[in-house]
Amino acid sequence: MKELDLLKKDWQKNAGSFQQISETEIYKMIHKKSSSIVKWILIISILEISFWTFSNLFINTDDVLRKINHPEIVMALEFLTYFNYVVVLIFVYIFYKNYKTISTTIATKSLMSAILKTRKTVQYYVWYNLGMIVITAILSFFIAFVYNPDMEFLREKLAMNGKAMFVTIGILFLVILGFFGLFWCFYRIIYGTLLRRLYANYKELKKIDF
């Protein structure tokens, strides 16, 4: 934002004779920066879904699902997977639309509105992903523990020892919390940084919108 600050100082110094030109230049700079930020949000979301898609190709879950031997559970897991992909693709499409809107908008108020809409969409996207991570982790542990025949010995042992059951549940809770914290930090660093820059642009637009 150094260029923007220097431009604002020059604008304030010459407010009498160059106000309109300087205001236009400031708007163009904010417009360009905002468009670039939203473009990166779109690119990162596409890279993210691509990463998880390719990762799933190398994770062999067929043997585990065959051991479970419950077609209804397999169908439910497949439905959840497809549902998640559909939702994420909808978010990616919305990011693309927001990028096109911000790239082509001219009016200051329209750009401000598009920035706020983009920030809200990204926040929904992040919380949706974090929620799915928690749900997926809980379901995975539950299905593996209850339906996997390899867990029969552990189930019997825990059923006879309430303290061991309590400790196991506590460990699983900490593992899920750890996964949540890890991904929260990732989203905080990547998307959070972009959103803070985008909101800084919004505040600058608010100053010149008079």
C-alpha atoms as a PDB file:
ATOM      1  CA  MET A   1       0.000   0.000   0.000  1.00  0.00           C
ATOM      2  CA  LYS A   2       3.056   2.330  -0.162  1.00  0.00           C
ATOM      3  CA  GLU A   3       2.214   3.565  -3.654  1.00  0.00           C
ATOM      4  CA  LEU A   4      -1.343   4.293  -2.549  1.00  0.00           C
ATOM      5  CA  ASP A   5      -0.164   6.269   0.491  1.00  0.00           C
ATOM      6  CA  LEU A   6       2.216   8.369  -1.622  1.00  0.00           C
ATOM      7  CA  LEU A   7      -0.536   9.028  -4.124  1.00  0.00           C
ATOM      8  CA  LYS A   8      -2.926  10.078  -1.354  1.00  0.00           C
ATOM      9  CA  LYS A   9      -0.353  12.505   0.087  1.00  0.00           C
ATOM     10  CA  ASP A  10       0.159  14.048  -3.332  1.00  0.00           C
ATOM     11  CA  TRP A  11      -3.596  14.288  -3.761  1.00  0.00           C
ATOM     12  CA  GLN A  12      -4.023  16.045  -0.422  1.00  0.00           C
ATOM     13  CA  LYS A  13      -1.190  18.504  -1.229  1.00  0.00           C
ATOM     14  CA  ASN A  14      -2.737  19.462  -4.522  1.00  0.00           C
ATOM     15  CA  ALA A  15      -6.364  19.109  -3.526  1.00  0.00           C
ATOM     16  CA  GLY A  16      -7.315  22.421  -5.123  1.00  0.00           C
ATOM     17  CA  SER A  17      -6.149  21.820  -8.662  1.00  0.00           C
ATOM     18  CA  PHE A  18      -5.649  18.058  -9.121  1.00  0.00           C
ATOM     19  CA  GLN A  19      -8.333  16.523  -6.896  1.00  0.00           C
ATOM     20  CA  GLN A  20     -10.391  14.844  -9.622  1.00  0.00           C
ATOM     21  CA  ILE A  21      -7.359  13.406 -11.443  1.00  0.00           C
ATOM     22  CA  SER A  22      -5.822  12.084  -8.224  1.00  0.00           C
ATOM     23  CA  GLU A  23      -9.093  10.562  -7.077  1.00  0.00           C
ATOM     24  CA  THR A  24      -9.385   8.754 -10.384  1.00  0.00           C
ATOM     25  CA  GLU A  25      -5.830   7.437 -10.097  1.00  0.00           C
ATOM     26  CA  ILE A  26      -6.454   6.214  -6.562  1.00  0.00           C
ATOM     27  CA  TYR A  27      -9.612   4.431  -7.688  1.00  0.00           C
ATOM     28  CA  LYS A  28      -7.778   2.763 -10.560  1.00  0.00           C
ATOM     29  CA  MET A  29      -5.050   1.540  -8.241  1.00  0.00           C
ATOM     30  CA  ILE A  30      -7.539   0.148  -5.688  1.00  0.00           C
ATOM     31  CA  HIS A  31      -9.572  -1.404  -8.492  1.00  0.00           C
ATOM     32  CA  LYS A  32      -6.502  -3.165  -9.890  1.00  0.00           C
ATOM     33  CA  LYS A  33      -5.358  -4.389  -6.464  1.00  0.00           C
ATOM     34  CA  SER A  34      -8.849  -5.672  -5.568  1.00  0.00           C
ATOM     35  CA  SER A  35      -9.170  -7.514  -8.868  1.00  0.00           C
ATOM     36  CA  SER A  36      -5.770  -9.144  -8.323  1.00  0.00           C
ATOM     37  CA  ILE A  37      -6.666 -10.253  -4.772  1.00  0.00           C
ATOM     38  CA  VAL A  38      -9.957 -11.857  -5.856  1.00  0.00           C
ATOM     39  CA  LYS A  39      -8.140 -13.539  -8.746  1.00  0.00           C
ATOM     40  CA  TRP A  40      -5.748 -15.126  -6.244  1.00  0.00           C
ATOM     41  CA  ILE A  41      -8.676 -16.268  -4.098  1.00  0.00           C
ATOM     42  CA  LEU A  42     -10.110 -18.005  -7.167  1.00  0.00           C
ATOM     43  CA  ILE A  43      -6.757 -19.589  -8.087  1.00  0.00           C
ATOM     44  CA  ILE A  44      -6.099 -20.848  -4.545  1.00  0.00           C
ATOM     45  CA  SER A  45      -9.585 -22.384  -4.263  1.00  0.00           C
ATOM     46  CA  ILE A  46      -9.053 -24.221  -7.583  1.00  0.00           C
ATOM     47  CA  LEU A  47      -5.622 -25.451  -6.457  1.00  0.00           C
ATOM     48  CA  GLU A  48      -7.137 -26.585  -3.168  1.00  0.00           C
ATOM     49  CA  ILE A  49      -9.875 -28.702  -4.744  1.00  0.00           C
ATOM     50  CA  SER A  50      -7.355 -30.081  -7.264  1.00  0.00           C
ATOM     51  CA  PHE A  51      -5.012 -31.085  -4.444  1.00  0.00           C
ATOM     52  CA  TRP A  52      -7.713 -32.990  -2.560  1.00  0.00           C
ATOM     53  CA  THR A  53      -8.957 -34.644  -5.760  1.00  0.00           C
ATOM     54  CA  PHE A  54      -5.493 -35.946  -6.683  1.00  0.00           C
ATOM     55  CA  SER A  55      -4.798 -36.937  -3.075  1.00  0.00           C
ATOM     56  CA  ASN A  56      -7.889 -39.149  -3.045  1.00  0.00           C
ATOM     57  CA  LEU A  57      -6.542 -41.017  -6.082  1.00  0.00           C
ATOM     58  CA  PHE A  58      -3.581 -42.221  -4.010  1.00  0.00           C
ATOM     59  CA  ILE A  59      -5.614 -43.131  -0.922  1.00  0.00           C
ATOM     60  CA  ASN A  60      -6.970 -46.663  -1.218  1.00  0.00           C
ATOM     61  CA  THR A  61     -10.159 -46.944   0.848  1.00  0.00           C
ATOM     62  CA  ASP A  62     -11.667 -49.910  -1.052  1.00  0.00           C
ATOM     63  CA  ASP A  63     -10.207 -52.516   1.321  1.00  0.00           C
ATOM     64  CA  VAL A  64     -11.568 -50.704   4.371  1.00  0.00           C
ATOM     65  CA  LEU A  65     -15.021 -50.318   2.801  1.00  0.00           C
ATOM     66  CA  ARG A  66     -15.103 -54.006   1.866  1.00  0.00           C
ATOM     67  CA  LYS A  67     -14.285 -54.961   5.459  1.00  0.00           C
ATOM     68  CA  ILE A  68     -17.146 -52.812   6.742  1.00  0.00           C
ATOM     69  CA  ASN A  69     -19.568 -54.799   4.565  1.00  0.00           C
ATOM     70  CA  HIS A  70     -22.392 -52.278   4.952  1.00  0.00           C
ATOM     71  CA  PRO A  71     -23.561 -51.030   1.513  1.00  0.00           C
ATOM     72  CA  GLU A  72     -25.764 -48.354   3.093  1.00  0.00           C
ATOM     73  CA  ILE A  73     -22.755 -46.795   4.843  1.00  0.00           C
ATOM     74  CA  VAL A  74     -20.711 -46.890   1.643  1.00  0.00           C
ATOM     75  CA  MET A  75     -23.565 -45.140  -0.206  1.00  0.00           C
ATOM     76  CA  ALA A  76     -23.843 -42.508   2.521  1.00  0.00           C
ATOM     77  CA  LEU A  77     -20.099 -41.800   2.362  1.00  0.00           C
ATOM     78  CA  GLU A  78     -20.217 -41.533  -1.427  1.00  0.00           C
ATOM     79  CA  PHE A  79     -23.169 -39.164  -1.201  1.00  0.00           C
ATOM     80  CA  LEU A  80     -21.295 -37.003   1.305  1.00  0.00           C
ATOM     81  CA  THR A  81     -18.241 -36.932  -0.980  1.00  0.00           C
ATOM     82  CA  TYR A  82     -20.234 -35.902  -4.058  1.00  0.00           C
ATOM     83  CA  PHE A  83     -22.239 -33.383  -2.045  1.00  0.00           C
ATOM     84  CA  ASN A  84     -19.017 -31.801  -0.809  1.00  0.00           C
ATOM     85  CA  TYR A  85     -17.607 -31.543  -4.331  1.00  0.00           C
ATOM     86  CA  VAL A  86     -20.799 -29.910  -5.595  1.00  0.00           C
ATOM     87  CA  VAL A  87     -20.797 -27.344  -2.787  1.00  0.00           C
ATOM     88  CA  VAL A  88     -17.093 -26.522  -3.244  1.00  0.00           C
ATOM     89  CA  LEU A  89     -17.544 -26.156  -7.020  1.00  0.00           C
ATOM     90  CA  ILE A  90     -20.449 -23.784  -6.389  1.00  0.00           C
ATOM     91  CA  PHE A  91     -18.166 -21.682  -4.185  1.00  0.00           C
ATOM     92  CA  VAL A  92     -15.477 -21.690  -6.896  1.00  0.00           C
ATOM     93  CA  TYR A  93     -18.075 -20.535  -9.436  1.00  0.00           C
ATOM     94  CA  ILE A  94     -19.154 -17.726  -7.089  1.00  0.00           C
ATOM     95  CA  PHE A  95     -15.497 -16.690  -6.664  1.00  0.00           C
ATOM     96  CA  TYR A  96     -15.214 -16.550 -10.462  1.00  0.00           C
ATOM     97  CA  LYS A  97     -18.347 -14.408 -10.714  1.00  0.00           C
ATOM     98  CA  ASN A  98     -17.041 -12.078  -7.994  1.00  0.00           C
ATOM     99  CA  TYR A  99     -13.740 -11.769  -9.861  1.00  0.00           C
ATOM    100  CA  LYS A 100     -15.506 -10.875 -13.121  1.00  0.00           C
ATOM    101  CA  THR A 101     -17.733  -8.370 -11.306  1.00  0.00           C
ATOM    102  CA  ILE A 102     -14.830  -6.622  -9.585  1.00  0.00           C
ATOM    103  CA  SER A 103     -12.743  -6.644 -12.765  1.00  0.00           C
ATOM    104  CA  THR A 104     -15.429  -4.993 -14.872  1.00  0.00           C
ATOM    105  CA  THR A 105     -17.211  -2.692 -12.427  1.00  0.00           C
ATOM    106  CA  ILE A 106     -16.752   1.060 -12.802  1.00  0.00           C
ATOM    107  CA  ALA A 107     -18.793   2.745 -10.080  1.00  0.00           C
ATOM    108  CA  THR A 108     -17.124   3.147  -6.683  1.00  0.00           C
ATOM    109  CA  LYS A 109     -20.176   2.013  -4.720  1.00  0.00           C
ATOM    110  CA  SER A 110     -20.524  -1.088  -6.925  1.00  0.00           C
ATOM    111  CA  LEU A 111     -16.888  -1.985  -6.300  1.00  0.00           C
ATOM    112  CA  MET A 112     -17.334  -1.530  -2.542  1.00  0.00           C
ATOM    113  CA  SER A 113     -20.419  -3.737  -2.588  1.00  0.00           C
ATOM    114  CA  ALA A 114     -18.602  -6.423  -4.610  1.00  0.00           C
ATOM    115  CA  ILE A 115     -15.680  -6.390  -2.158  1.00  0.00           C
ATOM    116  CA  LEU A 116     -17.975  -6.917   0.833  1.00  0.00           C
ATOM    117  CA  LYS A 117     -19.827  -9.693  -0.994  1.00  0.00           C
ATOM    118  CA  THR A 118     -16.544 -11.422  -1.839  1.00  0.00           C
ATOM    119  CA  ARG A 119     -15.323 -11.227   1.772  1.00  0.00           C
ATOM    120  CA  LYS A 120     -18.556 -12.749   3.039  1.00  0.00           C
ATOM    121  CA  THR A 121     -18.444 -15.555   0.440  1.00  0.00           C
ATOM    122  CA  VAL A 122     -14.864 -16.457   1.360  1.00  0.00           C
ATOM    123  CA  GLN A 123     -15.755 -16.489   5.061  1.00  0.00           C
ATOM    124  CA  TYR A 124     -18.669 -18.872   4.349  1.00  0.00           C
ATOM    125  CA  TYR A 125     -16.340 -21.042   2.273  1.00  0.00           C
ATOM    126  CA  VAL A 126     -13.748 -21.270   5.045  1.00  0.00           C
ATOM    127  CA  TRP A 127     -16.288 -22.135   7.745  1.00  0.00           C
ATOM    128  CA  TYR A 128     -17.956 -24.703   5.465  1.00  0.00           C
ATOM    129  CA  ASN A 129     -14.618 -26.432   4.890  1.00  0.00           C
ATOM    130  CA  LEU A 130     -13.751 -26.404   8.586  1.00  0.00           C
ATOM    131  CA  GLY A 131     -17.179 -27.840   9.397  1.00  0.00           C
ATOM    132  CA  MET A 132     -16.748 -30.608   6.809  1.00  0.00           C
ATOM    133  CA  ILE A 133     -13.325 -31.458   8.239  1.00  0.00           C
ATOM    134  CA  VAL A 134     -14.839 -31.958  11.711  1.00  0.00           C
ATOM    135  CA  ILE A 135     -17.824 -33.957  10.380  1.00  0.00           C
ATOM    136  CA  THR A 136     -15.609 -36.154   8.191  1.00  0.00           C
ATOM    137  CA  ALA A 137     -13.191 -36.835  11.045  1.00  0.00           C
ATOM    138  CA  ILE A 138     -15.977 -37.793  13.470  1.00  0.00           C
ATOM    139  CA  LEU A 139     -17.687 -40.062  10.906  1.00  0.00           C
ATOM    140  CA  SER A 140     -14.408 -41.722   9.954  1.00  0.00           C
ATOM    141  CA  PHE A 141     -13.532 -42.542  13.569  1.00  0.00           C
ATOM    142  CA  PHE A 142     -17.071 -43.708  14.338  1.00  0.00           C
ATOM    143  CA  ILE A 143     -17.402 -45.967  11.290  1.00  0.00           C
ATOM    144  CA  ALA A 144     -13.908 -47.404  11.741  1.00  0.00           C
ATOM    145  CA  PHE A 145     -14.553 -48.152  15.413  1.00  0.00           C
ATOM    146  CA  VAL A 146     -18.107 -49.521  15.156  1.00  0.00           C
ATOM    147  CA  TYR A 147     -18.121 -51.366  11.813  1.00  0.00           C
ATOM    148  CA  ASN A 148     -14.529 -52.352  11.057  1.00  0.00           C
ATOM    149  CA  PRO A 149     -14.048 -56.029  12.130  1.00  0.00           C
ATOM    150  CA  ASP A 150     -10.360 -55.330  12.822  1.00  0.00           C
ATOM    151  CA  MET A 151     -11.531 -53.179  15.720  1.00  0.00           C
ATOM    152  CA  GLU A 152     -13.455 -56.002  17.407  1.00  0.00           C
ATOM    153  CA  PHE A 153     -10.764 -56.642  20.013  1.00  0.00           C
ATOM    154  CA  LEU A 154     -10.513 -52.951  20.866  1.00  0.00           C
ATOM    155  CA  ARG A 155     -14.300 -52.612  21.147  1.00  0.00           C
ATOM    156  CA  GLU A 156     -14.505 -55.499  23.599  1.00  0.00           C
ATOM    157  CA  LYS A 157     -11.605 -54.173  25.646  1.00  0.00           C
ATOM    158  CA  LEU A 158     -13.053 -50.673  25.898  1.00  0.00           C
ATOM    159  CA  ALA A 159     -16.537 -52.000  26.698  1.00  0.00           C
ATOM    160  CA  MET A 160     -15.115 -53.635  29.825  1.00  0.00           C
ATOM    161  CA  ASN A 161     -13.095 -50.604  30.903  1.00  0.00           C
ATOM    162  CA  GLY A 162     -14.983 -47.336  31.280  1.00  0.00           C
ATOM    163  CA  LYS A 163     -11.822 -45.373  32.077  1.00  0.00           C
ATOM    164  CA  ALA A 164     -10.090 -46.590  28.903  1.00  0.00           C
ATOM    165  CA  MET A 165     -13.174 -45.624  26.900  1.00  0.00           C
ATOM    166  CA  PHE A 166     -13.114 -42.139  28.396  1.00  0.00           C
ATOM    167  CA  VAL A 167      -9.387 -41.744  27.633  1.00  0.00           C
ATOM    168  CA  THR A 168      -9.890 -42.960  24.038  1.00  0.00           C
ATOM    169  CA  ILE A 169     -12.705 -40.490  23.440  1.00  0.00           C
ATOM    170  CA  GLY A 170     -10.523 -37.728  24.897  1.00  0.00           C
ATOM    171  CA  ILE A 171      -7.642 -38.620  22.569  1.00  0.00           C
ATOM    172  CA  LEU A 172      -9.949 -38.671  19.540  1.00  0.00           C
ATOM    173  CA  PHE A 173     -11.334 -35.281  20.556  1.00  0.00           C
ATOM    174  CA  LEU A 174      -7.797 -33.862  20.763  1.00  0.00           C
ATOM    175  CA  VAL A 175      -6.903 -35.350  17.367  1.00  0.00           C
ATOM    176  CA  ILE A 176      -9.988 -33.774  15.763  1.00  0.00           C
ATOM    177  CA  LEU A 177      -9.240 -30.487  17.525  1.00  0.00           C
ATOM    178  CA  GLY A 178      -5.671 -30.674  16.208  1.00  0.00           C
ATOM    179  CA  PHE A 179      -6.879 -31.200  12.638  1.00  0.00           C
ATOM    180  CA  PHE A 180      -9.313 -28.309  13.026  1.00  0.00           C
ATOM    181  CA  GLY A 181      -6.580 -26.026  14.391  1.00  0.00           C
ATOM    182  CA  LEU A 182      -4.169 -26.992  11.618  1.00  0.00           C
ATOM    183  CA  PHE A 183      -6.614 -26.201   8.838  1.00  0.00           C
ATOM    184  CA  TRP A 184      -7.855 -23.089  10.638  1.00  0.00           C
ATOM    185  CA  CYS A 185      -4.273 -21.775  10.675  1.00  0.00           C
ATOM    186  CA  PHE A 186      -3.910 -22.593   6.976  1.00  0.00           C
ATOM    187  CA  TYR A 187      -7.077 -20.723   6.063  1.00  0.00           C
ATOM    188  CA  ARG A 188      -6.202 -17.898   8.429  1.00  0.00           C
ATOM    189  CA  ILE A 189      -2.814 -17.386   6.800  1.00  0.00           C
ATOM    190  CA  ILE A 190      -3.845 -17.824   3.159  1.00  0.00           C
ATOM    191  CA  TYR A 191      -7.391 -16.500   2.866  1.00  0.00           C
ATOM    192  CA  GLY A 192      -7.170 -14.284   5.956  1.00  0.00           C
ATOM    193  CA  THR A 193      -4.244 -12.325   4.520  1.00  0.00           C
ATOM    194  CA  LEU A 194      -6.054 -11.784   1.218  1.00  0.00           C
ATOM    195  CA  LEU A 195      -9.264 -10.739   2.974  1.00  0.00           C
ATOM    196  CA  ARG A 196      -7.438  -8.216   5.155  1.00  0.00           C
ATOM    197  CA  ARG A 197      -5.892  -6.639   2.062  1.00  0.00           C
ATOM    198  CA  LEU A 198      -9.272  -6.615   0.344  1.00  0.00           C
ATOM    199  CA  TYR A 199     -10.904  -4.921   3.327  1.00  0.00           C
ATOM    200  CA  ALA A 200      -8.104  -2.336   3.412  1.00  0.00           C
ATOM    201  CA  ASN A 201      -9.026  -1.506  -0.185  1.00  0.00           C
ATOM    202  CA  TYR A 202     -12.669  -1.172   0.851  1.00  0.00           C
ATOM    203  CA  LYS A 203     -11.753   1.327   3.571  1.00  0.00           C
ATOM    204  CA  GLU A 204      -9.708   3.373   1.105  1.00  0.00           C
ATOM    205  CA  LEU A 205     -12.643   3.434  -1.309  1.00  0.00           C
ATOM    206  CA  LYS A 206     -14.896   4.560   1.516  1.00  0.00           C
ATOM    207  CA  LYS A 207     -12.608   7.563   2.120  1.00  0.00           C
ATOM    208  CA  ILE A 208     -12.774   8.766  -1.484  1.00  0.00           C
ATOM    209  CA  ASP A 209     -16.492   8.027  -1.934  1.00  0.00           C
ATOM    210  CA  PHE A 210     -17.956  11.443  -1.238  1.00  0.00           C
END
